[in-house]
Amino acid sequence: MKKTWGYILTACLLSAFVYFFATNMASRRVVIEYPFDNTIFPPEFPAPTFFWKHKGPYTGEWRVKLTIDNLTITDTLIREEKWRPNAKLWEQLKIVAKNEPILFELSKPKSLARRKLTFTFSKDSVGAPILFRQLPIPFVLAEKILDSMNYMLVDVGHDGPPHVAMRSFPVCGNCHSFTAGGELIGLDLDAGLRDKGGYFIAPITDTIVFDKHNYHSWTKIEKRRTFGMFSKLSPDGRYIVTTVKDRVISKNFPFEPQHLAFSQLFFPVNGRLAVYDRQTKILKELPGANLPDYVQSNATWTPDGKHIVFCRAKALPYEHNDTLQINITDEQLMEEFVQRKRKVKFDICIIPFNEGKGGVARPIKGASNNGKSNYFPAISPDGKWLVFCQAESFMLLQPDSRLYIVPLEGGKARPLECNLKLMNSWHAWSPNGKWLTFVSKGLSIYTDLFLTYIDEKGHASPPVLIEHARKFRRVVNYPEFVNIPANKKFDMVYNYVELVHIQKAIWDNNFEKARQLYYQWKQQDHSFMLNDDIDMLEKLLTQLNLPKEKVWIETLRKR
């Protein structure tokens, strides 16, 4: 009798093991790719698309079930490996759940395969729209068709495509920033063969016009070529911190599959911080952040405007004392950086602004001297947290870039829980300090826009994909929140002329347009022009058959 019970017990255990093994193996064949388990959605967020993959052939139906505290909200069969709740069902979920966990179950009918995840809705809304840049990749393609770039304004609570704030502008738009209250925008707009130091500052209205009235040029102020990289408006809008005397590594890789995701290497190797006072119209280097032995760049302001947080690394010595150079032209040296035989590791430092007098720059513990490159500092609106990127070397477009958080006063940094497997970067805080937006290639090489909720202890929720920011074969980057109502829209109009625009019209055989652009360009400020700009102007006037206009060429050269 004891043997019989022993056999029965063994058989039961064996059956349980077989069932567990079969269930586990079957479930492993199903992977829910999105959303992620324990995701927190903003309360205003529209219904996401759930999508998954099945390893192996299967053409049957899928069972999708949503429950809240054992109450079934929906139980349905679908044919595709994706499912999006309709708007009515999604809003019903928000009402019934009341911030409690919602269970999503995915299974195959008459099968052991099963996957589960939970998600919730936050009590805290995002509350503001995000302005971001949209462009094709690789960068060699984007630079050839500059008018393929758009600036998009997305309301994360709106279930539809984002608003096109500026379409097909003929220059390259880069870093943009806003005052704390959302009154002003500062925008870097430049392109090849023109003033790389071009910068616009304008009030945020229904229609924002970028023209000669709000154009600034770091090149003209410095009287030398400069990029003016990573310019940032102060919270109150009076000052702009920028980079001067900058020199960069800039390498665009060929249009090849292996370079598609990461098609550019770009970062500064020389630079000093300078602050422009919009009241006095004076640009001055910031003492303590203008040391020639360092590259100092990528700055931002603390919310109270009393300190500046920036990135610093050992500078690359100039060859032959050519301090006017803005690009590394030595191909052998460039290749050493491309092959990572040379590395640059940035530390994040903080320095008093002191009304432009500066002070001593202090490396922030946890974001410096850690054997890594630390960059893109972003400070929470309450001044408590610093979120930054960390990679093995360099900055911008680093495959191993991960988001880290540390108290602003310094401490032990830790990776945010929202990081995906490939490149996490270009992050910004929402005005209410509850959400962080960032971009990642974790779901696609065509960089996506995400949100994550940051709790009081600095922990992040799994990332929320902003699906309606996606566009076929386009990437998103440079996302920044604007402190205006989430549903408010504005249009940006580019109405400033550079010599390259005249040249392009000539190349297009549109000489009438080229002449119109020339006379518009002539009305702008030419208080400072470099010799190669004057040479270019002289050639253009010949092509436009405007010999009388050449009279003032010599006057320009004498300046």
Protein backbone atom coordinates (compact mmCIF):
# COMPACT_ATOMS: atom_id res chain seq x y z
CA MET A 1 0.00 0.00 0.00
CA LYS A 2 2.91 2.34 0.84
CA LYS A 3 4.46 1.58 -2.55
CA THR A 4 1.15 2.42 -4.27
CA TRP A 5 0.97 5.81 -2.57
CA GLY A 6 4.60 6.36 -3.45
CA TYR A 7 3.90 5.66 -7.10
CA ILE A 8 0.87 8.00 -7.03
CA LEU A 9 2.87 10.78 -5.38
CA THR A 10 5.71 10.38 -7.87
CA ALA A 11 3.29 10.39 -10.77
CA CYS A 12 1.63 13.57 -9.46
CA LEU A 13 4.94 15.32 -9.02
CA LEU A 14 6.04 14.21 -12.46
CA SER A 15 2.77 15.45 -14.01
CA ALA A 16 3.11 18.79 -12.23
CA PHE A 17 6.68 19.12 -13.43
CA VAL A 18 5.70 18.26 -17.02
CA TYR A 19 2.80 20.75 -16.88
CA PHE A 20 5.03 23.47 -15.40
CA PHE A 21 7.76 22.78 -17.94
CA ALA A 22 5.31 22.72 -20.87
CA THR A 23 3.62 25.91 -19.67
CA ASN A 24 6.94 27.66 -19.19
CA MET A 25 8.25 26.59 -22.59
CA ALA A 26 5.04 27.60 -24.31
CA SER A 27 5.03 30.99 -22.60
CA ARG A 28 8.63 31.59 -23.57
CA ARG A 29 7.55 31.51 -27.17
CA VAL A 30 5.47 34.65 -26.56
CA VAL A 31 7.16 37.99 -25.81
CA ILE A 32 5.16 41.13 -25.07
CA GLU A 33 7.33 43.89 -26.48
CA TYR A 34 5.17 46.81 -25.36
CA PRO A 35 3.92 48.07 -22.94
CA PHE A 36 6.38 47.07 -20.26
CA ASP A 37 5.35 45.48 -16.99
CA ASN A 38 4.43 48.00 -14.26
CA THR A 39 4.16 50.89 -16.72
CA ILE A 40 2.61 54.10 -15.37
CA PHE A 41 0.60 56.05 -17.97
CA PRO A 42 -0.25 59.75 -17.64
CA PRO A 43 -3.96 60.22 -16.83
CA GLU A 44 -4.54 62.07 -20.12
CA PHE A 45 -2.70 59.51 -22.26
CA PRO A 46 -4.60 57.97 -25.21
CA ALA A 47 -4.80 54.20 -25.64
CA PRO A 48 -1.45 52.61 -26.52
CA THR A 49 -0.88 49.73 -28.93
CA PHE A 50 -0.02 46.45 -27.21
CA PHE A 51 2.30 44.44 -29.44
CA TRP A 52 4.06 41.12 -29.04
CA LYS A 53 6.00 38.46 -30.91
CA HIS A 54 5.58 34.72 -31.15
CA LYS A 55 8.60 32.54 -31.75
CA GLY A 56 7.64 29.97 -34.35
CA PRO A 57 4.70 29.60 -36.73
CA TYR A 58 1.25 30.49 -35.45
CA THR A 59 -1.62 31.87 -37.47
CA GLY A 60 -4.45 31.38 -35.01
CA GLU A 61 -6.29 33.80 -32.75
CA TRP A 62 -5.04 35.54 -29.64
CA ARG A 63 -7.05 36.02 -26.48
CA VAL A 64 -6.71 39.43 -24.82
CA LYS A 65 -8.10 40.00 -21.37
CA LEU A 66 -8.10 43.05 -19.09
CA THR A 67 -9.08 42.78 -15.44
CA ILE A 68 -9.13 45.09 -12.44
CA ASP A 69 -9.22 43.41 -9.04
CA ASN A 70 -10.73 40.24 -10.60
CA LEU A 71 -13.33 42.30 -12.47
CA THR A 72 -13.15 41.51 -16.19
CA ILE A 73 -13.30 44.67 -18.28
CA THR A 74 -12.77 43.02 -21.66
CA ASP A 75 -12.12 39.49 -22.94
CA THR A 76 -11.76 39.29 -26.70
CA LEU A 77 -10.17 37.34 -29.55
CA ILE A 78 -8.00 39.00 -32.22
CA ARG A 79 -6.00 37.82 -35.22
CA GLU A 80 -2.99 40.18 -35.26
CA GLU A 81 0.02 40.27 -32.95
CA LYS A 82 -1.03 43.70 -31.77
CA TRP A 83 -4.08 45.22 -30.17
CA ARG A 84 -5.20 48.71 -29.32
CA PRO A 85 -8.16 49.31 -26.99
CA ASN A 86 -10.76 51.63 -28.45
CA ALA A 87 -11.09 55.08 -26.90
CA LYS A 88 -14.29 54.21 -25.01
CA LEU A 89 -12.77 51.13 -23.40
CA TRP A 90 -9.56 52.98 -22.49
CA GLU A 91 -11.48 55.79 -20.78
CA GLN A 92 -13.59 53.21 -18.96
CA LEU A 93 -10.39 51.64 -17.64
CA LYS A 94 -9.27 54.98 -16.23
CA ILE A 95 -12.58 55.47 -14.41
CA VAL A 96 -12.83 51.95 -12.99
CA ALA A 97 -9.15 51.53 -12.06
CA LYS A 98 -8.77 54.76 -10.07
CA ASN A 99 -4.97 54.40 -10.07
CA GLU A 100 -5.18 50.69 -9.11
CA PRO A 101 -3.24 48.07 -11.13
CA ILE A 102 -4.79 46.75 -14.35
CA LEU A 103 -3.91 43.21 -15.41
CA PHE A 104 -3.33 42.48 -19.09
CA GLU A 105 -3.34 38.79 -20.05
CA LEU A 106 -2.36 37.43 -23.45
CA SER A 107 -2.87 33.79 -24.40
CA LYS A 108 -3.57 31.41 -27.26
CA PRO A 109 -6.90 29.56 -27.03
CA LYS A 110 -6.45 25.87 -26.19
CA SER A 111 -2.79 26.46 -25.46
CA LEU A 112 -0.54 26.71 -22.44
CA ALA A 113 1.16 29.86 -23.76
CA ARG A 114 0.35 32.84 -21.58
CA ARG A 115 1.85 36.20 -20.74
CA LYS A 116 0.81 38.83 -18.19
CA LEU A 117 1.69 42.36 -17.24
CA THR A 118 0.20 45.11 -15.11
CA PHE A 119 -0.06 48.86 -15.65
CA THR A 120 -1.56 51.84 -13.86
CA PHE A 121 -2.58 55.44 -14.44
CA SER A 122 -0.81 58.21 -12.56
CA LYS A 123 -2.62 60.91 -10.63
CA ASP A 124 -0.17 63.46 -12.06
CA SER A 125 -0.67 64.75 -15.59
CA VAL A 126 2.16 65.77 -17.89
CA GLY A 127 0.58 69.20 -18.26
CA ALA A 128 2.69 70.69 -21.07
CA PRO A 129 3.53 70.01 -24.74
CA ILE A 130 6.92 68.88 -26.05
CA LEU A 131 8.76 70.54 -28.93
CA PHE A 132 11.08 68.16 -30.77
CA ARG A 133 12.98 67.89 -34.03
CA GLN A 134 12.07 65.34 -36.69
CA LEU A 135 14.47 64.40 -39.48
CA PRO A 136 15.64 61.51 -41.69
CA ILE A 137 18.76 59.46 -41.09
CA PRO A 138 21.60 59.03 -41.80
CA PHE A 139 22.89 62.56 -41.22
CA VAL A 140 24.56 62.70 -44.63
CA LEU A 141 21.06 62.40 -46.09
CA ALA A 142 19.58 64.95 -43.70
CA GLU A 143 22.25 67.51 -44.59
CA LYS A 144 21.59 67.06 -48.30
CA ILE A 145 17.86 67.64 -47.87
CA LEU A 146 17.72 70.18 -45.06
CA ASP A 147 14.13 71.03 -45.88
CA SER A 148 13.15 67.51 -44.83
CA MET A 149 13.53 68.58 -41.19
CA ASN A 150 10.50 69.59 -39.16
CA TYR A 151 9.88 70.94 -35.69
CA MET A 152 6.94 69.17 -34.08
CA LEU A 153 4.83 70.12 -31.07
CA VAL A 154 3.18 67.16 -29.38
CA ASP A 155 0.45 67.14 -26.75
CA VAL A 156 0.83 63.69 -25.16
CA GLY A 157 -2.87 63.64 -24.30
CA HIS A 158 -4.00 64.24 -27.87
CA ASP A 159 -4.83 61.12 -29.89
CA GLY A 160 -3.58 62.25 -33.25
CA PRO A 161 -0.48 63.38 -35.13
CA PRO A 162 1.59 66.14 -33.51
CA HIS A 163 1.34 69.72 -34.71
CA VAL A 164 3.93 70.77 -37.31
CA ALA A 165 5.35 73.92 -35.72
CA MET A 166 7.89 74.56 -38.48
CA ARG A 167 8.02 72.60 -41.71
CA SER A 168 10.82 72.16 -44.21
CA PHE A 169 13.02 75.04 -43.07
CA PRO A 170 16.12 75.44 -45.26
CA VAL A 171 18.65 75.42 -42.41
CA CYS A 172 19.66 73.04 -39.65
CA GLY A 173 17.79 73.55 -36.39
CA ASN A 174 19.54 72.34 -33.26
CA CYS A 175 19.34 73.09 -29.54
CA HIS A 176 16.31 74.99 -28.32
CA SER A 177 15.34 76.12 -24.84
CA PHE A 178 12.59 78.06 -23.09
CA THR A 179 12.24 80.34 -20.12
CA ALA A 180 10.80 78.72 -16.99
CA GLY A 181 7.41 80.35 -17.55
CA GLY A 182 7.26 79.56 -21.26
CA GLU A 183 7.48 83.19 -22.39
CA LEU A 184 10.53 82.95 -24.71
CA ILE A 185 12.17 80.48 -27.05
CA GLY A 186 15.85 80.38 -27.93
CA LEU A 187 16.71 78.38 -31.04
CA ASP A 188 19.96 77.52 -32.79
CA LEU A 189 19.39 77.62 -36.55
CA ASP A 190 22.33 77.10 -38.87
CA ALA A 191 23.57 75.16 -41.89
CA GLY A 192 26.68 74.47 -43.90
CA LEU A 193 28.25 77.44 -45.71
CA ARG A 194 26.63 79.95 -43.38
CA ASP A 195 27.01 81.41 -39.94
CA LYS A 196 27.18 78.40 -37.62
CA GLY A 197 26.73 80.77 -34.70
CA GLY A 198 23.24 81.84 -35.71
CA TYR A 199 20.79 82.05 -32.81
CA PHE A 200 17.24 83.39 -32.49
CA ILE A 201 15.35 84.56 -29.42
CA ALA A 202 11.65 85.31 -29.72
CA PRO A 203 8.48 85.61 -27.63
CA ILE A 204 6.17 82.61 -27.77
CA THR A 205 3.04 83.72 -29.56
CA ASP A 206 0.63 82.02 -31.96
CA THR A 207 3.08 82.77 -34.78
CA ILE A 208 6.79 83.06 -33.99
CA VAL A 209 8.80 84.74 -36.74
CA PHE A 210 12.56 84.24 -36.86
CA ASP A 211 13.92 87.22 -38.77
CA LYS A 212 16.53 89.99 -38.62
CA HIS A 213 14.83 91.55 -35.60
CA ASN A 214 15.51 88.61 -33.28
CA TYR A 215 18.67 87.20 -34.87
CA HIS A 216 21.87 86.92 -32.85
CA SER A 217 25.25 85.71 -34.04
CA TRP A 218 27.88 84.40 -31.68
CA THR A 219 30.26 84.56 -34.64
CA LYS A 220 29.69 88.29 -35.13
CA ILE A 221 29.88 89.05 -31.42
CA GLU A 222 33.12 87.06 -31.06
CA LYS A 223 34.41 88.29 -34.44
CA ARG A 224 35.54 84.76 -35.25
CA ARG A 225 33.82 81.59 -36.38
CA THR A 226 32.12 79.77 -33.54
CA PHE A 227 29.30 77.29 -33.11
CA GLY A 228 27.82 78.68 -29.90
CA MET A 229 26.91 75.12 -28.96
CA PHE A 230 24.25 74.10 -26.44
CA SER A 231 22.99 77.63 -25.79
CA LYS A 232 20.46 77.88 -22.96
CA LEU A 233 18.16 80.67 -21.85
CA SER A 234 18.24 81.48 -18.14
CA PRO A 235 14.97 80.76 -16.26
CA ASP A 236 14.02 84.46 -16.30
CA GLY A 237 15.15 84.98 -19.92
CA ARG A 238 17.67 87.75 -19.27
CA TYR A 239 20.79 85.67 -19.94
CA ILE A 240 21.98 83.02 -22.38
CA VAL A 241 24.82 80.66 -21.55
CA THR A 242 26.64 79.37 -24.62
CA THR A 243 29.98 77.95 -25.79
CA VAL A 244 32.60 80.11 -27.50
CA LYS A 245 36.04 79.40 -28.92
CA ASP A 246 34.70 75.95 -29.61
CA ARG A 247 36.22 73.24 -31.80
CA VAL A 248 34.59 69.92 -32.54
CA ILE A 249 35.04 66.40 -33.77
CA SER A 250 32.47 66.08 -36.55
CA LYS A 251 32.27 62.95 -38.66
CA ASN A 252 29.32 61.88 -40.80
CA PHE A 253 29.52 58.22 -41.75
CA PRO A 254 28.65 56.89 -45.24
CA PHE A 255 25.12 55.92 -46.22
CA GLU A 256 25.60 52.26 -45.30
CA PRO A 257 23.42 49.84 -43.28
CA GLN A 258 25.97 49.47 -40.47
CA HIS A 259 26.02 53.25 -39.95
CA LEU A 260 22.29 53.91 -40.20
CA ALA A 261 21.47 53.94 -36.48
CA PHE A 262 24.56 55.90 -35.42
CA SER A 263 25.55 57.91 -38.44
CA GLN A 264 27.43 60.79 -36.84
CA LEU A 265 30.20 61.35 -34.31
CA PHE A 266 30.01 64.87 -32.91
CA PHE A 267 31.29 66.42 -29.69
CA PRO A 268 33.40 69.42 -28.58
CA VAL A 269 37.11 69.12 -27.83
CA ASN A 270 37.66 72.82 -27.08
CA GLY A 271 35.35 75.47 -25.73
CA ARG A 272 34.68 78.02 -23.02
CA LEU A 273 31.44 79.08 -21.40
CA ALA A 274 30.24 82.61 -22.01
CA VAL A 275 27.10 84.43 -20.89
CA TYR A 276 25.19 86.93 -23.01
CA ASP A 277 23.24 89.63 -21.18
CA ARG A 278 20.17 90.52 -23.25
CA GLN A 279 19.83 93.86 -21.44
CA THR A 280 23.37 95.13 -21.93
CA LYS A 281 23.88 93.15 -25.18
CA ILE A 282 27.32 92.07 -23.94
CA LEU A 283 28.81 88.59 -24.20
CA LYS A 284 31.44 87.74 -21.57
CA GLU A 285 33.31 84.57 -20.78
CA LEU A 286 32.38 83.07 -17.41
CA PRO A 287 35.41 83.08 -15.07
CA GLY A 288 36.07 79.58 -13.76
CA ALA A 289 34.43 77.96 -16.78
CA ASN A 290 36.73 79.48 -19.40
CA LEU A 291 39.96 77.66 -18.61
CA PRO A 292 42.04 77.00 -21.75
CA ASP A 293 43.16 73.56 -20.54
CA TYR A 294 39.57 72.29 -20.54
CA VAL A 295 36.70 71.97 -22.95
CA GLN A 296 33.69 73.49 -21.16
CA SER A 297 30.29 73.18 -22.82
CA ASN A 298 26.80 71.67 -22.64
CA ALA A 299 25.64 74.02 -19.87
CA THR A 300 22.28 74.49 -18.17
CA TRP A 301 20.91 76.68 -15.39
CA THR A 302 19.69 75.75 -11.93
CA PRO A 303 15.98 76.67 -11.56
CA ASP A 304 16.83 79.69 -9.38
CA GLY A 305 19.33 80.98 -11.97
CA LYS A 306 22.11 81.20 -9.36
CA HIS A 307 24.33 78.40 -10.67
CA ILE A 308 25.33 76.89 -13.99
CA VAL A 309 25.85 73.16 -14.43
CA PHE A 310 28.08 72.14 -17.33
CA CYS A 311 30.34 69.45 -18.79
CA ARG A 312 34.12 69.57 -18.64
CA ALA A 313 36.98 67.46 -19.99
CA LYS A 314 40.62 67.90 -20.85
CA ALA A 315 40.91 70.05 -23.98
CA LEU A 316 42.61 68.89 -27.15
CA PRO A 317 45.73 71.01 -27.76
CA TYR A 318 45.72 73.12 -30.91
CA GLU A 319 48.22 72.31 -33.61
CA HIS A 320 50.39 75.20 -34.83
CA ASN A 321 48.47 77.50 -32.44
CA ASP A 322 45.61 77.70 -34.92
CA THR A 323 43.03 78.78 -32.35
CA LEU A 324 40.59 80.00 -35.02
CA GLN A 325 39.94 76.45 -36.18
CA ILE A 326 36.44 75.15 -35.37
CA ASN A 327 36.64 71.65 -36.91
CA ILE A 328 39.29 68.97 -36.57
CA THR A 329 40.66 68.54 -40.09
CA ASP A 330 43.49 66.10 -39.40
CA GLU A 331 42.15 62.83 -40.88
CA GLN A 332 44.54 60.64 -38.92
CA LEU A 333 43.55 62.32 -35.66
CA MET A 334 39.88 62.03 -36.60
CA GLU A 335 40.28 58.31 -37.27
CA GLU A 336 41.80 57.80 -33.83
CA PHE A 337 38.59 59.15 -32.31
CA VAL A 338 36.39 57.12 -34.67
CA GLN A 339 38.27 53.93 -33.74
CA ARG A 340 38.13 54.99 -30.07
CA LYS A 341 41.87 54.87 -29.72
CA ARG A 342 41.43 58.33 -28.24
CA LYS A 343 38.68 58.87 -25.71
CA VAL A 344 37.10 61.90 -24.10
CA LYS A 345 35.38 61.55 -20.74
CA PHE A 346 33.32 64.50 -19.51
CA ASP A 347 32.65 65.40 -15.88
CA ILE A 348 29.62 67.39 -14.81
CA CYS A 349 30.50 70.47 -12.75
CA ILE A 350 28.60 73.26 -11.03
CA ILE A 351 29.74 76.88 -10.79
CA PRO A 352 28.17 80.01 -9.24
CA PHE A 353 26.78 82.40 -11.83
CA ASN A 354 27.41 85.35 -9.52
CA GLU A 355 25.94 87.87 -12.00
CA GLY A 356 28.47 86.79 -14.60
CA LYS A 357 31.50 86.89 -12.29
CA GLY A 358 31.61 83.10 -12.00
CA GLY A 359 33.77 81.38 -9.39
CA VAL A 360 35.29 77.96 -8.79
CA ALA A 361 33.81 75.06 -10.73
CA ARG A 362 33.13 72.01 -8.54
CA PRO A 363 32.73 68.50 -10.01
CA ILE A 364 29.43 66.97 -8.85
CA LYS A 365 30.03 63.74 -6.96
CA GLY A 366 28.39 60.84 -8.75
CA ALA A 367 28.46 62.61 -12.12
CA SER A 368 32.22 63.04 -12.37
CA ASN A 369 35.54 61.25 -11.86
CA ASN A 370 33.93 57.85 -12.38
CA GLY A 371 35.85 56.59 -15.41
CA LYS A 372 32.87 57.36 -17.67
CA SER A 373 31.72 60.26 -19.80
CA ASN A 374 28.92 62.24 -18.14
CA TYR A 375 26.92 64.76 -20.14
CA PHE A 376 23.55 66.38 -20.91
CA PRO A 377 22.75 67.63 -17.38
CA ALA A 378 19.04 68.27 -16.73
CA ILE A 379 17.89 69.60 -13.35
CA SER A 380 14.44 68.99 -11.88
CA PRO A 381 12.29 72.13 -11.47
CA ASP A 382 12.56 71.91 -7.68
CA GLY A 383 16.38 71.82 -7.91
CA LYS A 384 16.56 68.45 -6.16
CA TRP A 385 17.67 66.03 -8.87
CA LEU A 386 20.22 65.95 -11.66
CA VAL A 387 19.57 63.53 -14.50
CA PHE A 388 22.38 63.02 -16.98
CA CYS A 389 23.71 60.66 -19.64
CA GLN A 390 26.57 58.33 -18.96
CA ALA A 391 28.56 56.48 -21.62
CA GLU A 392 32.00 54.99 -22.01
CA SER A 393 33.26 58.04 -23.93
CA PHE A 394 32.29 61.19 -25.90
CA MET A 395 28.73 62.59 -25.95
CA LEU A 396 25.74 62.65 -28.36
CA LEU A 397 24.54 59.52 -30.17
CA GLN A 398 26.38 57.00 -28.02
CA PRO A 399 24.94 53.45 -28.27
CA ASP A 400 25.75 52.70 -24.62
CA SER A 401 24.26 55.96 -23.30
CA ARG A 402 22.14 55.43 -20.18
CA LEU A 403 20.23 57.90 -18.02
CA TYR A 404 21.49 58.32 -14.44
CA ILE A 405 20.11 60.29 -11.51
CA VAL A 406 21.89 61.85 -8.55
CA PRO A 407 21.00 64.59 -6.04
CA LEU A 408 22.13 67.97 -7.37
CA GLU A 409 24.39 68.46 -4.36
CA GLY A 410 26.08 65.17 -5.26
CA GLY A 411 25.90 61.61 -4.02
CA LYS A 412 25.67 58.10 -5.35
CA ALA A 413 24.36 58.09 -8.92
CA ARG A 414 22.20 55.22 -10.14
CA PRO A 415 20.71 54.30 -13.51
CA LEU A 416 17.07 55.17 -14.04
CA GLU A 417 14.73 52.21 -14.36
CA CYS A 418 13.38 53.52 -17.68
CA ASN A 419 16.58 52.81 -19.63
CA LEU A 420 16.17 50.65 -22.72
CA LYS A 421 18.83 48.47 -24.33
CA LEU A 422 20.15 50.99 -26.87
CA MET A 423 20.89 54.72 -26.50
CA ASN A 424 18.90 56.70 -23.95
CA SER A 425 19.43 60.44 -24.24
CA TRP A 426 18.09 63.97 -24.95
CA HIS A 427 16.00 64.14 -21.77
CA ALA A 428 14.01 67.01 -20.26
CA TRP A 429 11.84 67.53 -17.18
CA SER A 430 8.17 68.47 -17.35
CA PRO A 431 7.40 71.86 -15.73
CA ASN A 432 5.65 70.13 -12.82
CA GLY A 433 8.69 67.91 -12.21
CA LYS A 434 6.67 64.68 -12.35
CA TRP A 435 7.69 63.41 -15.79
CA LEU A 436 10.83 63.09 -17.84
CA THR A 437 10.85 62.87 -21.62
CA PHE A 438 13.74 61.22 -23.45
CA VAL A 439 14.60 59.46 -26.69
CA SER A 440 15.88 55.93 -27.21
CA LYS A 441 16.63 53.41 -29.91
CA GLY A 442 15.42 50.59 -27.65
CA LEU A 443 12.45 49.74 -29.88
CA SER A 444 13.72 50.95 -33.25
CA ILE A 445 16.85 52.42 -34.82
CA TYR A 446 14.55 55.29 -35.80
CA THR A 447 14.77 57.00 -32.44
CA ASP A 448 11.49 57.11 -30.49
CA LEU A 449 10.13 59.59 -27.95
CA PHE A 450 9.28 58.33 -24.45
CA LEU A 451 7.96 59.46 -21.09
CA THR A 452 8.77 58.17 -17.62
CA TYR A 453 7.29 59.04 -14.24
CA ILE A 454 9.80 60.14 -11.57
CA ASP A 455 8.69 59.60 -7.96
CA GLU A 456 9.79 61.55 -4.88
CA LYS A 457 12.71 59.18 -4.27
CA GLY A 458 14.01 59.61 -7.80
CA HIS A 459 12.85 56.26 -9.15
CA ALA A 460 11.57 56.02 -12.73
CA SER A 461 8.71 53.99 -14.13
CA PRO A 462 9.08 51.83 -17.25
CA PRO A 463 9.07 54.00 -20.39
CA VAL A 464 5.86 55.06 -22.12
CA LEU A 465 6.14 55.27 -25.91
CA ILE A 466 4.62 58.42 -27.45
CA GLU A 467 3.38 56.58 -30.53
CA HIS A 468 1.93 59.54 -32.35
CA ALA A 469 5.39 61.17 -32.42
CA ARG A 470 6.50 58.37 -34.76
CA LYS A 471 6.85 58.94 -38.49
CA PHE A 472 8.02 56.47 -41.11
CA ARG A 473 11.83 56.54 -41.48
CA ARG A 474 12.17 59.64 -39.32
CA VAL A 475 13.92 60.05 -35.99
CA VAL A 476 13.09 62.37 -33.12
CA ASN A 477 15.56 64.27 -30.94
CA TYR A 478 16.02 67.46 -28.92
CA PRO A 479 12.72 67.15 -27.00
CA GLU A 480 12.00 70.06 -24.66
CA PHE A 481 8.86 70.82 -22.65
CA VAL A 482 7.23 74.22 -23.14
CA ASN A 483 5.52 75.61 -20.05
CA ILE A 484 2.26 76.48 -21.80
CA PRO A 485 -1.12 74.70 -21.80
CA ALA A 486 -0.74 71.20 -23.25
CA ASN A 487 -3.23 71.83 -26.05
CA LYS A 488 -1.80 75.22 -27.07
CA LYS A 489 -0.16 75.35 -30.50
CA PHE A 490 2.15 77.79 -32.21
CA ASP A 491 3.75 78.10 -35.64
CA MET A 492 7.37 79.05 -36.25
CA VAL A 493 8.28 80.93 -39.43
CA TYR A 494 11.87 81.17 -40.66
CA ASN A 495 12.37 84.49 -42.44
CA TYR A 496 16.08 85.13 -42.27
CA VAL A 497 18.34 84.96 -45.33
CA GLU A 498 21.90 83.67 -45.52
CA LEU A 499 24.19 83.64 -48.56
CA VAL A 500 23.71 79.89 -48.84
CA HIS A 501 20.00 80.43 -49.52
CA ILE A 502 20.84 82.73 -52.44
CA GLN A 503 23.32 80.15 -53.70
CA LYS A 504 20.73 77.39 -53.52
CA ALA A 505 18.24 79.44 -55.56
CA ILE A 506 20.93 79.93 -58.22
CA TRP A 507 21.65 76.20 -58.26
CA ASP A 508 17.92 75.68 -58.83
CA ASN A 509 18.10 78.16 -61.79
CA ASN A 510 15.60 80.37 -60.03
CA PHE A 511 17.44 83.67 -60.56
CA GLU A 512 14.40 85.83 -59.83
CA LYS A 513 14.05 84.26 -56.40
CA ALA A 514 17.82 84.57 -55.89
CA ARG A 515 17.71 88.32 -56.56
CA GLN A 516 14.76 88.75 -54.19
CA LEU A 517 16.68 86.88 -51.50
CA TYR A 518 19.75 89.00 -52.11
CA TYR A 519 17.88 92.28 -51.57
CA GLN A 520 16.27 90.82 -48.44
CA TRP A 521 19.70 89.71 -47.22
CA LYS A 522 21.10 93.20 -47.88
CA GLN A 523 18.64 94.71 -45.39
CA GLN A 524 20.07 92.59 -42.58
CA ASP A 525 23.01 93.29 -40.29
CA HIS A 526 26.44 93.02 -41.94
CA SER A 527 28.50 94.70 -39.26
CA PHE A 528 30.85 91.73 -39.34
CA MET A 529 31.63 89.41 -42.23
CA LEU A 530 34.50 86.97 -42.63
CA ASN A 531 36.64 87.15 -45.76
CA ASP A 532 35.34 83.88 -47.19
CA ASP A 533 31.78 85.20 -46.76
CA ILE A 534 32.76 88.30 -48.76
CA ASP A 535 34.37 86.11 -51.43
CA MET A 536 31.17 84.10 -51.68
CA LEU A 537 29.07 87.29 -51.93
CA GLU A 538 31.25 88.59 -54.76
CA LYS A 539 30.76 85.36 -56.76
CA LEU A 540 27.02 85.44 -56.18
CA LEU A 541 26.75 89.02 -57.44
CA THR A 542 28.57 88.00 -60.62
CA GLN A 543 26.20 85.08 -61.14
CA LEU A 544 23.22 87.35 -60.53
CA ASN A 545 24.57 89.93 -63.00
CA LEU A 546 24.52 92.72 -60.41
CA PRO A 547 27.87 94.48 -61.03
CA LYS A 548 26.77 97.76 -59.42
CA GLU A 549 26.22 95.95 -56.11
CA LYS A 550 29.92 95.10 -55.96
CA VAL A 551 30.72 98.69 -55.04
CA TRP A 552 30.46 97.99 -51.34
CA ILE A 553 32.56 94.79 -51.43
CA GLU A 554 35.77 96.68 -50.63
CA THR A 555 34.03 98.50 -47.79
CA LEU A 556 33.12 95.13 -46.31
CA ARG A 557 36.70 93.90 -46.63
CA LYS A 558 38.06 96.95 -44.79
CA ARG A 559 35.81 96.21 -41.82
